[in-house]
Every structure is written in structure tokens, then in C-alpha cells.
């Protein structure tokens, strides 16, 4: 099969949508190298994770030609379609909410929809951005042969907001980078002594506490880090575990930072806006608990990263979180500070329950392994060409 992808975010975004795109592209190339993978991107970023692609011969890269070099957005919207009319590529896959206009009829069209948060929480987006997101995603859903939602929650939103026939929407879950899937402290996947040795290096590099609750994610209002901080503030004198927050943001991050400083919490709450991607498994592995207080997500990749690294997960109730975290994780109403404090403290004081959650979580998360997800995608592509 000859499959093409909108790879803009794979090469320019290094959080959620970018992680999804890179993981899927690398997984397909690894497990189905017989396919031809064409990647369309306006430019390549100078980032360590991009080098993995450039070193591989498993992809064919396409960038704006001629005058489109000065009109990259126009190339993504229309220029790609012009190219595809003259090519023998069979499938075009929009990896994040959109498809080019005027794609030729001979091309089978797939779009991944991650979430419709801009419609659920419109006040968190500017008017113009909200209109653009809605127009692009609604158009993509209308013209696609198949819409793929990354969770049942997202599928329900697509059907509800865009009035799309549910039979047109498939659910294929996300996976995460192999570095997490190959990491476990209680199975013989790697030598535990090697993990401990590596963590000591990471521990010194980031000046981490010996015991900690971990948060990973963008610091914005929807991710709800302040609720976690206020909950931790209630229990901090009853535990030796600190709180480590990895992520950055803009206005809400400033609000979080100011709250920590103004309440003299910086000696127990550690804000780490920048962390090397390669160090993340060790940081997950040594956490007592992974806390995910987000109000709403399309899926929640950090949850499965934590489960692969053997960390008990406490996350918000509702949304898609039960799909990502499994029944053996703990769920708390997102804004209930007292419930968060109680749940975290009880789990910190119960190492037996932590062990049970680690083992059950690791077993559950195998459903998101790269080979499982790749097989589902390859079967979908093949079905389109029958």
C-alpha cells in the first residue's frame, strides 16, 4: 500500500498531537515495512526526536515546492491535493483533525479526531481559533471515508456535535513511545539495577526528591494542576513524598508558579518546565503515584506512559479516563480538593495497594502496545482498498 500522511505536527509539535503522530508513523514503518509511507510536512524542526525519522529509509518526505515555499498553509490546504492527483498514492491520512481541500476521488481519506474540546469548553479558546478548528474538523469528518476517534468518548462527541453516522466512526486507541513500553521495574524486561543506576543520574540532573507524586502534562486551565497542588498542600505535613510537576504553559503556568511561591511551597512542590524526553521513563518509574487531575481529554497519553512504567494512577473521573487507565486505577471528581487529598494520602500509606495497582495497571496497558495498534491501522487501510 502507498499511504500518505499530514506530518506537520509529527515534525513541529512535541507534546500530545506530535507524540501521537510520531508514534504511529514509527510503529507502522516497523511492523509493516512493505508499505510505502509518504510524509507531507511544511518543514522539519531541529529536534532529537526528528532525527529518528531522518535516519530511517522507511519514509518518503514531501515539502512545499516552488512558490508554495512562501505559502505553506496554502500548500497544506490545496497544494497537496494537486500533487496527489498526479501520483499513485492510494490513501491520505490526516493525523490531527483536518484534511486538504479537493482531494481527488481516487484517494481514500482517513482522519483522526483526537477530541472536540474546543466545542465542549469554548471559553478556553479564542473566537477565531474555535471557528477555524470547527470548520476544519467538521469538513474532514464530512469528506473522510473513515473517521478514527482515539477513544469512545471522542466518538460520542463526533456523533453528537457533528451529527455523524456512528457507523462511519472507528475507535483505535493511541499508543506511546517504545521507550515506555520497554520499561518495567517488576518484570524482567530490563535489569532493575540498571534502572536504579540510571535513575540516580536523572535524580541528580533534575535535583529530584527521593519520594514524590508525579504530574506530567501541559500546564493549562483544563489540565487542572491547581486542584492537585491544593490537595497536596492539605497532606504535605503527613507524608515524606513531595510533588513533582513536569510541564509548561503560559498564563495558567504563571498562576501555578505564583501560587506555589506565595504559599511557600517551593521546598515541597518542584516545577520542572523542561525535561529531556529520554529521561522520562526513569522519572515515572520512581514516582509513588502518578496524578492526572485533568478535567477532560481525548485520551491521555501520560496515563499509559505511567502504567507502562509501573506507577499507580490516580486520575479524574469522567471523560475518557477509565478507557485509558483501567478499572484498577483510582478516580476522583476533578475539582474535589478534599477527595484528591484523601485518595492520595491513603494510597501513599498503603504500599500493598500500590503494588497491586502497579501489576494490574501493567497488565491492562498491554492493549495499547504498538504492535496491537499497528495491526488495527493496517487492517483499516487494507479494508479501504478492497
Protein backbone atom coordinates (compact mmCIF):
# COMPACT_ATOMS: atom_id res chain seq x y z
CA UNK A 1 0.00 0.00 0.00
CA UNK A 2 1.02 3.59 -0.67
CA UNK A 3 -0.16 5.74 2.23
CA UNK A 4 0.35 9.48 2.73
CA UNK A 5 0.14 11.46 5.96
CA UNK A 6 -0.20 15.04 7.10
CA UNK A 7 3.02 15.00 9.14
CA UNK A 8 3.15 18.67 10.15
CA UNK A 9 2.66 18.00 13.84
CA UNK A 10 4.96 14.98 13.79
CA UNK A 11 7.82 17.32 12.93
CA UNK A 12 6.80 20.54 14.65
CA UNK A 13 4.84 19.61 17.79
CA UNK A 14 6.50 17.87 20.74
CA UNK A 15 3.54 17.29 23.02
CA UNK A 16 0.26 15.37 22.57
CA UNK A 17 -0.57 15.58 18.85
CA UNK A 18 3.07 15.39 17.85
CA UNK A 19 3.69 12.39 20.09
CA UNK A 20 0.68 10.61 18.62
CA UNK A 21 1.82 11.27 15.04
CA UNK A 22 5.42 10.20 15.57
CA UNK A 23 4.50 7.05 17.48
CA UNK A 24 2.01 5.91 14.84
CA UNK A 25 4.35 6.60 11.92
CA UNK A 26 7.28 4.81 13.57
CA UNK A 27 5.08 1.88 14.56
CA UNK A 28 3.65 1.39 11.07
CA UNK A 29 7.10 1.54 9.49
CA UNK A 30 8.45 -1.00 11.98
CA UNK A 31 5.70 -3.61 11.74
CA UNK A 32 4.62 -3.09 8.12
CA UNK A 33 7.77 -2.05 6.23
CA UNK A 34 6.34 -3.38 2.97
CA UNK A 35 4.05 -0.33 2.76
CA UNK A 36 5.18 2.96 1.25
CA UNK A 37 4.83 5.89 3.68
CA UNK A 38 4.72 9.42 2.27
CA UNK A 39 5.07 12.23 4.82
CA UNK A 40 3.91 15.75 3.93
CA UNK A 41 5.36 18.47 6.15
CA UNK A 42 5.97 22.21 5.64
CA UNK A 43 9.33 21.99 7.42
CA UNK A 44 11.49 19.87 9.71
CA UNK A 45 12.34 21.01 13.23
CA UNK A 46 15.80 20.68 14.73
CA UNK A 47 14.89 18.22 17.46
CA UNK A 48 16.40 14.97 18.65
CA UNK A 49 13.16 13.04 18.05
CA UNK A 50 13.09 14.11 14.39
CA UNK A 51 16.49 12.55 13.77
CA UNK A 52 14.93 9.09 14.20
CA UNK A 53 12.90 9.74 11.04
CA UNK A 54 15.72 11.27 9.02
CA UNK A 55 17.96 8.29 9.72
CA UNK A 56 15.31 5.85 8.50
CA UNK A 57 14.80 4.82 4.89
CA UNK A 58 11.21 3.84 5.64
CA UNK A 59 9.69 7.19 4.65
CA UNK A 60 9.39 9.42 1.60
CA UNK A 61 9.35 13.10 2.54
CA UNK A 62 7.42 15.84 0.72
CA UNK A 63 7.76 19.58 1.36
CA UNK A 64 6.32 22.65 -0.40
CA UNK A 65 7.71 23.03 -3.94
CA UNK A 66 8.22 26.23 -5.90
CA UNK A 67 6.02 29.16 -4.94
CA UNK A 68 4.34 27.08 -2.20
CA UNK A 69 7.53 27.52 -0.16
CA UNK A 70 6.23 31.02 0.57
CA UNK A 71 2.64 29.89 1.17
CA UNK A 72 2.99 26.80 3.33
CA UNK A 73 -0.57 26.94 4.69
CA UNK A 74 -1.94 27.07 1.15
CA UNK A 75 0.21 24.08 0.24
CA UNK A 76 -1.24 22.05 3.13
CA UNK A 77 -4.79 23.08 2.22
CA UNK A 78 -4.67 22.76 -1.57
CA UNK A 79 -1.16 22.08 -2.90
CA UNK A 80 -1.01 18.56 -1.50
CA UNK A 81 -4.21 17.71 -3.38
CA UNK A 82 -2.68 18.96 -6.63
CA UNK A 83 0.29 16.65 -6.10
CA UNK A 84 -1.87 13.66 -5.20
CA UNK A 85 -3.92 13.97 -8.41
CA UNK A 86 -0.76 13.13 -10.36
CA UNK A 87 0.52 10.43 -8.02
CA UNK A 88 -0.32 6.75 -7.48
CA UNK A 89 -0.71 7.17 -3.71
CA UNK A 90 -3.81 5.29 -2.56
CA UNK A 91 -4.66 6.66 0.91
CA UNK A 92 -4.35 10.03 2.62
CA UNK A 93 -4.47 10.09 6.42
CA UNK A 94 -4.93 13.38 8.28
CA UNK A 95 -3.35 12.66 11.64
CA UNK A 96 -4.93 15.55 13.52
CA UNK A 97 -8.41 16.80 12.75
CA UNK A 98 -8.04 18.01 9.17
CA UNK A 99 -7.81 17.03 5.51
CA UNK A 100 -6.74 19.09 2.48
CA UNK A 101 -9.45 20.52 0.28
CA UNK A 102 -10.17 18.99 -3.17
CA UNK A 103 -8.52 15.63 -2.53
CA UNK A 104 -9.02 13.51 -5.66
CA UNK A 105 -11.80 10.93 -5.55
CA UNK A 106 -9.36 8.10 -6.26
CA UNK A 107 -7.68 8.75 -2.88
CA UNK A 108 -9.21 7.04 0.15
CA UNK A 109 -9.47 9.54 3.01
CA UNK A 110 -8.92 8.90 6.72
CA UNK A 111 -8.91 11.47 9.50
CA UNK A 112 -8.00 11.06 13.17
CA UNK A 113 -10.10 13.13 15.55
CA UNK A 114 -8.50 13.43 18.97
CA UNK A 115 -11.16 15.48 20.73
CA UNK A 116 -13.70 18.25 20.29
CA UNK A 117 -12.62 20.15 23.38
CA UNK A 118 -12.98 23.47 21.55
CA UNK A 119 -16.72 22.78 21.44
CA UNK A 120 -17.04 21.33 24.94
CA UNK A 121 -15.02 24.15 26.54
CA UNK A 122 -15.29 27.07 24.10
CA UNK A 123 -14.24 29.66 26.69
CA UNK A 124 -10.73 28.17 26.67
CA UNK A 125 -10.22 29.13 23.02
CA UNK A 126 -10.25 32.42 21.18
CA UNK A 127 -13.20 33.06 18.88
CA UNK A 128 -11.13 32.82 15.70
CA UNK A 129 -9.30 29.62 16.72
CA UNK A 130 -12.57 27.99 17.71
CA UNK A 131 -14.17 28.81 14.36
CA UNK A 132 -11.15 27.53 12.41
CA UNK A 133 -10.92 24.29 14.42
CA UNK A 134 -14.64 23.66 13.99
CA UNK A 135 -14.62 24.36 10.26
CA UNK A 136 -11.60 22.14 9.55
CA UNK A 137 -12.65 19.20 11.70
CA UNK A 138 -16.29 19.28 10.57
CA UNK A 139 -15.18 19.37 6.91
CA UNK A 140 -12.74 16.49 7.46
CA UNK A 141 -15.44 14.39 9.12
CA UNK A 142 -17.80 15.07 6.22
CA UNK A 143 -15.44 14.12 3.38
CA UNK A 144 -13.48 11.29 5.04
CA UNK A 145 -14.23 7.71 4.08
CA UNK A 146 -13.46 6.70 7.66
CA UNK A 147 -13.17 8.80 10.82
CA UNK A 148 -10.98 7.36 13.55
CA UNK A 149 -11.60 8.53 17.11
CA UNK A 150 -8.91 7.90 19.70
CA UNK A 151 -11.47 6.96 22.38
CA UNK A 152 -15.12 6.04 22.76
CA UNK A 153 -15.59 9.42 24.43
CA UNK A 154 -14.34 11.20 21.31
CA UNK A 155 -16.56 9.03 19.12
CA UNK A 156 -19.59 10.03 21.16
CA UNK A 157 -18.64 13.71 20.78
CA UNK A 158 -18.22 13.41 16.99
CA UNK A 159 -21.64 11.81 16.64
CA UNK A 160 -23.24 14.33 19.00
CA UNK A 161 -21.66 17.62 17.87
CA UNK A 162 -21.30 16.93 14.14
CA UNK A 163 -24.31 14.62 13.66
CA UNK A 164 -22.14 11.97 12.00
CA UNK A 165 -23.39 8.43 11.48
CA UNK A 166 -21.76 6.33 14.22
CA UNK A 167 -21.03 3.58 11.66
CA UNK A 168 -18.59 5.93 9.93
CA UNK A 169 -16.52 6.34 13.11
CA UNK A 170 -13.99 3.73 14.25
CA UNK A 171 -12.17 3.77 17.58
CA UNK A 172 -8.45 2.98 17.51
CA UNK A 173 -6.66 3.87 20.72
CA UNK A 174 -3.37 5.68 20.95
CA UNK A 175 -0.11 4.11 21.95
CA UNK A 176 3.03 5.71 23.31
CA UNK A 177 6.74 5.72 22.54
CA UNK A 178 8.54 2.37 22.79
CA UNK A 179 10.84 3.71 25.49
CA UNK A 180 7.91 3.43 27.92
CA UNK A 181 6.69 0.06 26.70
CA UNK A 182 10.15 -1.47 27.22
CA UNK A 183 10.38 -0.22 30.79
CA UNK A 184 9.26 -2.05 33.91
CA UNK A 185 10.68 -2.36 37.41
CA UNK A 186 8.92 -5.57 38.38
CA UNK A 187 9.16 -7.74 35.25
CA UNK A 188 12.37 -8.96 33.68
CA UNK A 189 12.14 -6.58 30.73
CA UNK A 190 15.19 -4.70 31.96
CA UNK A 191 17.60 -5.20 34.84
CA UNK A 192 16.23 -3.37 37.91
CA UNK A 193 19.79 -2.49 38.93
CA UNK A 194 20.28 -0.74 35.59
CA UNK A 195 17.09 1.23 36.16
CA UNK A 196 18.23 2.31 39.63
CA UNK A 197 21.63 3.33 38.30
CA UNK A 198 20.04 5.36 35.51
CA UNK A 199 17.60 6.99 37.92
CA UNK A 200 20.45 8.17 40.16
CA UNK A 201 21.83 10.07 37.16
CA UNK A 202 18.42 11.57 36.41
CA UNK A 203 17.84 12.29 40.10
CA UNK A 204 20.99 14.41 40.25
CA UNK A 205 20.36 16.03 36.85
CA UNK A 206 16.97 17.45 37.88
CA UNK A 207 17.52 17.66 41.65
CA UNK A 208 14.53 15.41 42.30
CA UNK A 209 13.25 14.44 45.77
CA UNK A 210 13.63 10.83 46.91
CA UNK A 211 9.87 10.28 47.13
CA UNK A 212 7.27 12.06 45.05
CA UNK A 213 3.85 12.22 43.46
CA UNK A 214 4.21 12.97 39.74
CA UNK A 215 2.22 15.17 37.36
CA UNK A 216 3.09 15.29 33.64
CA UNK A 217 1.33 17.48 31.10
CA UNK A 218 0.78 20.94 29.73
CA UNK A 219 0.03 23.46 32.48
CA UNK A 220 -3.28 24.96 31.38
CA UNK A 221 -6.66 25.51 32.99
CA UNK A 222 -8.24 22.33 31.63
CA UNK A 223 -5.40 20.19 32.99
CA UNK A 224 -6.34 21.43 36.47
CA UNK A 225 -2.93 21.31 38.19
CA UNK A 226 -4.02 23.80 40.88
CA UNK A 227 -6.52 21.32 42.29
CA UNK A 228 -3.72 18.79 42.67
CA UNK A 229 -1.48 21.40 44.31
CA UNK A 230 -4.19 22.42 46.79
CA UNK A 231 -4.88 18.77 47.59
CA UNK A 232 -1.20 18.11 48.16
CA UNK A 233 -0.96 21.20 50.36
CA UNK A 234 -3.50 19.58 52.70
CA UNK A 235 -1.44 16.41 53.17
CA UNK A 236 2.15 17.58 52.78
CA UNK A 237 2.81 17.50 56.53
CA UNK A 238 1.59 13.91 56.72
CA UNK A 239 3.91 12.41 54.10
CA UNK A 240 7.56 12.48 53.06
CA UNK A 241 6.54 12.43 49.38
CA UNK A 242 6.96 15.71 47.51
CA UNK A 243 5.03 16.79 44.40
CA UNK A 244 6.88 17.00 41.06
CA UNK A 245 5.14 18.84 38.22
CA UNK A 246 6.62 18.40 34.74
CA UNK A 247 5.24 20.67 32.04
CA UNK A 248 4.97 24.26 30.91
CA UNK A 249 2.33 26.71 29.76
CA UNK A 250 1.53 30.40 29.62
CA UNK A 251 -0.92 32.32 31.83
CA UNK A 252 -2.09 29.33 33.86
CA UNK A 253 1.51 28.20 34.41
CA UNK A 254 2.26 31.64 35.81
CA UNK A 255 -0.75 31.30 38.11
CA UNK A 256 0.51 27.91 39.31
CA UNK A 257 4.03 29.20 39.87
CA UNK A 258 2.77 32.25 41.77
CA UNK A 259 0.57 30.08 43.99
CA UNK A 260 3.50 27.83 44.88
CA UNK A 261 5.77 30.77 45.68
CA UNK A 262 3.20 32.88 47.53
CA UNK A 263 2.26 29.97 49.79
CA UNK A 264 5.89 28.99 50.49
CA UNK A 265 5.50 25.57 48.88
CA UNK A 266 8.57 25.56 46.62
CA UNK A 267 10.56 23.37 49.02
CA UNK A 268 7.99 20.55 48.54
CA UNK A 269 6.45 21.28 45.13
CA UNK A 270 9.00 21.12 42.31
CA UNK A 271 8.13 22.73 38.97
CA UNK A 272 10.14 21.28 36.08
CA UNK A 273 9.09 23.00 32.84
CA UNK A 274 11.76 21.33 30.68
CA UNK A 275 12.84 17.70 30.92
CA UNK A 276 14.71 15.61 28.34
CA UNK A 277 12.26 13.18 26.72
CA UNK A 278 14.72 10.31 27.18
CA UNK A 279 14.76 10.79 30.96
CA UNK A 280 11.00 10.49 31.39
CA UNK A 281 10.74 6.69 31.95
CA UNK A 282 13.12 6.87 34.92
CA UNK A 283 11.19 9.82 36.36
CA UNK A 284 7.89 7.95 36.01
CA UNK A 285 9.37 4.75 37.43
CA UNK A 286 10.49 6.29 40.71
CA UNK A 287 7.17 8.07 41.41
CA UNK A 288 4.98 6.80 44.25
CA UNK A 289 1.84 7.86 42.36
CA UNK A 290 1.03 9.41 39.00
CA UNK A 291 -1.72 12.04 39.41
CA UNK A 292 -3.76 13.21 36.42
CA UNK A 293 -6.38 15.78 37.53
CA UNK A 294 -7.36 16.92 34.03
CA UNK A 295 -11.00 17.88 33.54
CA UNK A 296 -11.29 16.44 30.02
CA UNK A 297 -9.08 14.75 27.41
CA UNK A 298 -9.44 12.98 24.13
CA UNK A 299 -7.36 10.15 25.59
CA UNK A 300 -4.42 10.92 27.92
CA UNK A 301 -1.08 9.51 26.76
CA UNK A 302 0.71 10.29 30.08
CA UNK A 303 -1.65 7.83 31.79
CA UNK A 304 -0.49 4.88 29.70
CA UNK A 305 3.14 6.05 29.92
CA UNK A 306 2.81 5.83 33.70
CA UNK A 307 1.15 2.41 33.60
CA UNK A 308 3.90 1.02 31.37
CA UNK A 309 6.47 2.28 33.88
CA UNK A 310 4.68 0.57 36.74
CA UNK A 311 3.21 3.61 38.50
CA UNK A 312 -0.17 3.57 40.29
CA UNK A 313 -2.51 6.07 38.62
CA UNK A 314 -4.98 8.42 40.28
CA UNK A 315 -6.94 10.43 37.74
CA UNK A 316 -10.15 12.36 37.28
CA UNK A 317 -13.47 10.61 36.89
CA UNK A 318 -15.48 11.01 33.70
CA UNK A 319 -14.26 11.83 30.18
CA UNK A 320 -12.16 9.03 28.64
CA UNK A 321 -10.05 8.33 31.72
CA UNK A 322 -11.47 4.90 32.54
CA UNK A 323 -10.65 3.85 28.95
CA UNK A 324 -7.01 4.85 29.34
CA UNK A 325 -6.40 3.97 33.00
CA UNK A 326 -8.42 0.79 33.50
CA UNK A 327 -10.60 -0.31 36.39
CA UNK A 328 -7.71 -0.79 38.83
CA UNK A 329 -6.73 2.86 38.83
CA UNK A 330 -8.39 5.32 41.19
CA UNK A 331 -10.79 8.02 40.02
CA UNK A 332 -11.64 11.30 41.74
CA UNK A 333 -14.03 14.10 40.82
CA UNK A 334 -11.70 16.64 39.15
CA UNK A 335 -12.38 19.69 41.37
CA UNK A 336 -12.89 17.92 44.72
CA UNK A 337 -9.76 19.01 46.58
CA UNK A 338 -10.62 17.07 49.74
CA UNK A 339 -11.26 13.85 47.80
CA UNK A 340 -7.95 14.21 45.98
CA UNK A 341 -6.13 14.77 49.27
CA UNK A 342 -7.80 11.77 50.93
CA UNK A 343 -7.19 9.43 47.97
CA UNK A 344 -3.53 10.39 47.58
CA UNK A 345 -2.74 10.09 51.29
CA UNK A 346 -4.47 6.73 51.64
CA UNK A 347 -2.57 5.32 48.68
CA UNK A 348 0.76 6.75 49.86
CA UNK A 349 0.24 4.94 53.17
CA UNK A 350 -0.65 1.63 51.55
CA UNK A 351 2.34 0.04 49.76
CA UNK A 352 0.44 -3.23 49.33
CA UNK A 353 -2.28 -1.49 47.33
CA UNK A 354 0.38 0.35 45.33
CA UNK A 355 1.93 -2.98 44.35
CA UNK A 356 -1.45 -4.41 43.34
CA UNK A 357 -2.20 -1.34 41.22
CA UNK A 358 1.22 -1.46 39.56
CA UNK A 359 0.76 -5.08 38.49
CA UNK A 360 -2.86 -4.72 37.41
CA UNK A 361 -2.13 -1.48 35.54
CA UNK A 362 0.78 -3.02 33.67
CA UNK A 363 -1.38 -5.97 32.61
CA UNK A 364 -4.19 -3.66 31.46
CA UNK A 365 -1.96 -1.33 29.42
CA UNK A 366 -0.78 -4.13 27.12
CA UNK A 367 -3.88 -3.47 24.98
CA UNK A 368 -2.16 -0.28 23.82
CA UNK A 369 1.07 -1.93 22.67
CA UNK A 370 2.44 -0.66 19.39
CA UNK A 371 2.09 -3.95 17.52
CA UNK A 372 -1.59 -4.20 18.54
CA UNK A 373 -2.34 -0.64 17.40
CA UNK A 374 -0.34 -1.06 14.17
CA UNK A 375 -2.31 -4.20 13.26
CA UNK A 376 -5.59 -2.33 13.69
CA UNK A 377 -4.43 0.51 11.47
CA UNK A 378 -3.04 -1.75 8.77
CA UNK A 379 -6.29 -3.71 8.70
CA UNK A 380 -8.25 -0.46 8.36
CA UNK A 381 -6.11 0.74 5.44
CA UNK A 382 -6.47 -2.61 3.68
CA UNK A 383 -10.24 -2.58 4.13
CA UNK A 384 -10.44 0.78 2.35
CA UNK A 385 -8.75 -0.61 -0.76
CA UNK A 386 -10.93 -3.71 -1.10
